[in-house]
């Protein structure tokens, strides 16, 4: 479980709305080099350990299929921007759905650490709390992978995080 020294939950995210849809933004400091984080985000064999099964063309303009470990989400994606060790921008669509969402991950090296900003846009505003908890689970699973630890129990962790994200979502107008 991720927590602060005083025992309170460590919430990585903020929630807001833009253009009538929800936005979830996570920021975390990862204790590893930016090259390692980039590899974990773009190498299918590494993605399989912490994020899910991703098959297809992960180069700029490429399309892929994915099934996520934490949520079971299945769908397709397209790589819209890919600046190695800096920024990855993908557009996703749930299998059988028509609504698109955007995931943008930015990395910045700070010494031997990496500042990660993970933002997802385009989800229904009324589901922001659930998305906030889910995206934080992904970010925590990435950090665990990079530290050589196993993924968390996604369901249990999601249930721990949801009340805090419900509180944050209540302020989104």
Protein backbone atom coordinates (compact mmCIF):
# COMPACT_ATOMS: atom_id res chain seq x y z
CA UNK A 1 0.00 0.00 0.00
CA UNK A 2 1.22 3.47 -0.77
CA UNK A 3 0.93 5.86 2.12
CA UNK A 4 2.55 8.81 3.78
CA UNK A 5 4.63 8.55 6.94
CA UNK A 6 1.70 9.80 9.02
CA UNK A 7 -0.50 6.93 7.81
CA UNK A 8 -2.70 8.96 5.49
CA UNK A 9 -3.31 7.87 1.93
CA UNK A 10 -0.92 9.17 -0.67
CA UNK A 11 -3.10 10.64 -3.40
CA UNK A 12 -1.17 11.33 -6.61
CA UNK A 13 -4.00 12.77 -8.66
CA UNK A 14 -6.09 15.79 -9.33
CA UNK A 15 -9.44 15.82 -11.13
CA UNK A 16 -11.07 18.45 -13.30
CA UNK A 17 -13.33 18.85 -16.29
CA UNK A 18 -12.53 20.40 -19.66
CA UNK A 19 -14.89 20.78 -22.60
CA UNK A 20 -17.55 18.76 -20.77
CA UNK A 21 -15.38 15.70 -20.13
CA UNK A 22 -13.30 14.50 -17.22
CA UNK A 23 -9.55 14.87 -16.79
CA UNK A 24 -7.42 12.83 -14.38
CA UNK A 25 -3.85 14.02 -13.78
CA UNK A 26 -1.24 12.10 -11.79
CA UNK A 27 2.19 13.31 -10.80
CA UNK A 28 4.84 11.19 -9.11
CA UNK A 29 8.58 11.08 -8.56
CA UNK A 30 10.03 7.74 -9.59
CA UNK A 31 13.34 6.66 -8.12
CA UNK A 32 14.90 5.55 -11.39
CA UNK A 33 16.39 7.02 -14.53
CA UNK A 34 14.15 8.44 -17.24
CA UNK A 35 15.49 5.83 -19.70
CA UNK A 36 14.14 3.03 -17.50
CA UNK A 37 10.73 4.67 -17.18
CA UNK A 38 10.53 5.19 -20.95
CA UNK A 39 11.35 1.53 -21.54
CA UNK A 40 8.66 0.43 -19.09
CA UNK A 41 6.12 2.59 -20.97
CA UNK A 42 7.03 1.52 -24.49
CA UNK A 43 8.44 -2.03 -24.41
CA UNK A 44 5.60 -4.59 -24.77
CA UNK A 45 7.46 -7.17 -22.65
CA UNK A 46 7.75 -4.68 -19.78
CA UNK A 47 4.18 -3.41 -20.23
CA UNK A 48 3.01 -7.03 -19.82
CA UNK A 49 4.43 -7.09 -16.27
CA UNK A 50 2.75 -3.99 -14.87
CA UNK A 51 0.13 -2.64 -17.31
CA UNK A 52 -1.25 -5.32 -19.56
CA UNK A 53 -0.99 -7.08 -22.86
CA UNK A 54 -0.25 -4.63 -25.66
CA UNK A 55 0.08 -5.89 -29.24
CA UNK A 56 0.63 -3.92 -32.41
CA UNK A 57 2.69 -1.05 -33.71
CA UNK A 58 3.87 1.19 -30.88
CA UNK A 59 5.67 3.66 -33.15
CA UNK A 60 4.37 7.13 -34.04
CA UNK A 61 1.11 6.71 -35.98
CA UNK A 62 0.93 3.02 -35.08
CA UNK A 63 -2.15 1.24 -33.80
CA UNK A 64 -2.36 -1.41 -31.10
CA UNK A 65 -4.76 -3.58 -29.09
CA UNK A 66 -4.58 -3.75 -25.32
CA UNK A 67 -6.03 -5.61 -22.35
CA UNK A 68 -5.18 -4.03 -19.00
CA UNK A 69 -4.29 -6.12 -15.97
CA UNK A 70 -5.74 -3.91 -13.23
CA UNK A 71 -9.20 -3.30 -14.73
CA UNK A 72 -9.61 -5.83 -17.52
CA UNK A 73 -10.24 -2.92 -19.93
CA UNK A 74 -9.90 -3.98 -23.55
CA UNK A 75 -9.66 -1.78 -26.58
CA UNK A 76 -7.52 -0.17 -29.19
CA UNK A 77 -5.10 2.70 -29.27
CA UNK A 78 -3.14 4.88 -31.61
CA UNK A 79 0.24 6.49 -30.92
CA UNK A 80 -0.25 10.21 -31.70
CA UNK A 81 3.05 11.55 -30.33
CA UNK A 82 6.22 9.82 -29.29
CA UNK A 83 9.22 11.85 -28.15
CA UNK A 84 11.62 9.30 -26.63
CA UNK A 85 12.21 9.78 -22.92
CA UNK A 86 9.97 12.87 -22.90
CA UNK A 87 6.38 12.39 -24.03
CA UNK A 88 3.98 9.68 -25.14
CA UNK A 89 0.50 10.58 -26.36
CA UNK A 90 -2.05 7.91 -27.28
CA UNK A 91 -5.72 7.93 -28.15
CA UNK A 92 -7.70 4.93 -26.91
CA UNK A 93 -11.14 3.49 -27.53
CA UNK A 94 -12.82 0.77 -25.48
CA UNK A 95 -13.75 -2.37 -27.42
CA UNK A 96 -17.27 -1.91 -28.75
CA UNK A 97 -17.30 1.76 -27.79
CA UNK A 98 -17.22 4.93 -29.82
CA UNK A 99 -15.86 7.43 -27.29
CA UNK A 100 -12.16 8.19 -27.46
CA UNK A 101 -9.92 9.06 -24.54
CA UNK A 102 -6.44 10.53 -24.59
CA UNK A 103 -3.53 9.45 -22.40
CA UNK A 104 -0.52 11.72 -22.25
CA UNK A 105 2.55 10.73 -20.26
CA UNK A 106 5.37 13.24 -19.82
CA UNK A 107 8.75 12.49 -18.28
CA UNK A 108 11.41 14.82 -16.93
CA UNK A 109 14.78 13.72 -15.59
CA UNK A 110 15.73 15.19 -12.25
CA UNK A 111 19.12 13.83 -11.27
CA UNK A 112 18.82 10.05 -11.06
CA UNK A 113 15.04 10.30 -10.64
CA UNK A 114 12.16 10.88 -13.03
CA UNK A 115 9.16 13.17 -12.65
CA UNK A 116 6.19 11.43 -14.25
CA UNK A 117 3.02 13.27 -15.25
CA UNK A 118 0.22 10.98 -16.49
CA UNK A 119 -2.94 12.67 -17.72
CA UNK A 120 -6.06 11.00 -19.10
CA UNK A 121 -8.74 13.06 -20.80
CA UNK A 122 -12.17 12.37 -22.22
CA UNK A 123 -13.95 10.27 -19.61
CA UNK A 124 -17.46 11.01 -18.30
CA UNK A 125 -17.33 13.59 -15.49
CA UNK A 126 -19.62 11.46 -13.32
CA UNK A 127 -17.01 8.65 -13.38
CA UNK A 128 -14.00 10.80 -12.42
CA UNK A 129 -13.58 9.23 -8.98
CA UNK A 130 -13.41 5.72 -10.42
CA UNK A 131 -11.00 6.80 -13.15
CA UNK A 132 -8.84 8.70 -10.65
CA UNK A 133 -8.46 5.62 -8.46
CA UNK A 134 -7.80 3.42 -11.48
CA UNK A 135 -5.16 5.65 -13.01
CA UNK A 136 -3.39 5.89 -9.67
CA UNK A 137 -3.31 2.08 -9.51
CA UNK A 138 -1.58 2.08 -12.93
CA UNK A 139 0.99 4.65 -11.79
CA UNK A 140 1.65 2.71 -8.58
CA UNK A 141 2.03 -0.52 -10.57
CA UNK A 142 4.56 1.22 -12.83
CA UNK A 143 6.54 2.40 -9.78
CA UNK A 144 6.43 -1.09 -8.29
CA UNK A 145 7.65 -2.63 -11.56
CA UNK A 146 10.55 -0.18 -11.74
CA UNK A 147 11.47 -0.96 -8.13
CA UNK A 148 11.40 -4.73 -8.78
CA UNK A 149 8.21 -5.30 -6.78
CA UNK A 150 4.99 -7.07 -7.77
CA UNK A 151 1.84 -5.24 -8.83
CA UNK A 152 -0.63 -4.42 -6.10
CA UNK A 153 -3.97 -6.15 -5.56
CA UNK A 154 -5.75 -3.80 -7.98
CA UNK A 155 -9.27 -4.35 -6.62
CA UNK A 156 -8.25 -3.81 -3.00
CA UNK A 157 -6.14 -0.76 -3.83
CA UNK A 158 -8.88 0.73 -6.01
CA UNK A 159 -11.36 0.33 -3.14
CA UNK A 160 -8.93 2.07 -0.78
CA UNK A 161 -8.47 5.00 -3.15
CA UNK A 162 -12.06 5.59 -4.28
CA UNK A 163 -13.25 7.53 -1.18
CA UNK A 164 -10.46 10.10 -1.55
CA UNK A 165 -11.17 10.47 -5.25
CA UNK A 166 -14.91 10.77 -4.57
CA UNK A 167 -14.06 13.68 -2.30
CA UNK A 168 -11.97 15.28 -5.07
CA UNK A 169 -14.65 14.63 -7.69
CA UNK A 170 -17.27 16.38 -5.57
CA UNK A 171 -15.42 19.66 -6.18
CA UNK A 172 -15.38 19.32 -9.98
CA UNK A 173 -18.03 21.44 -11.59
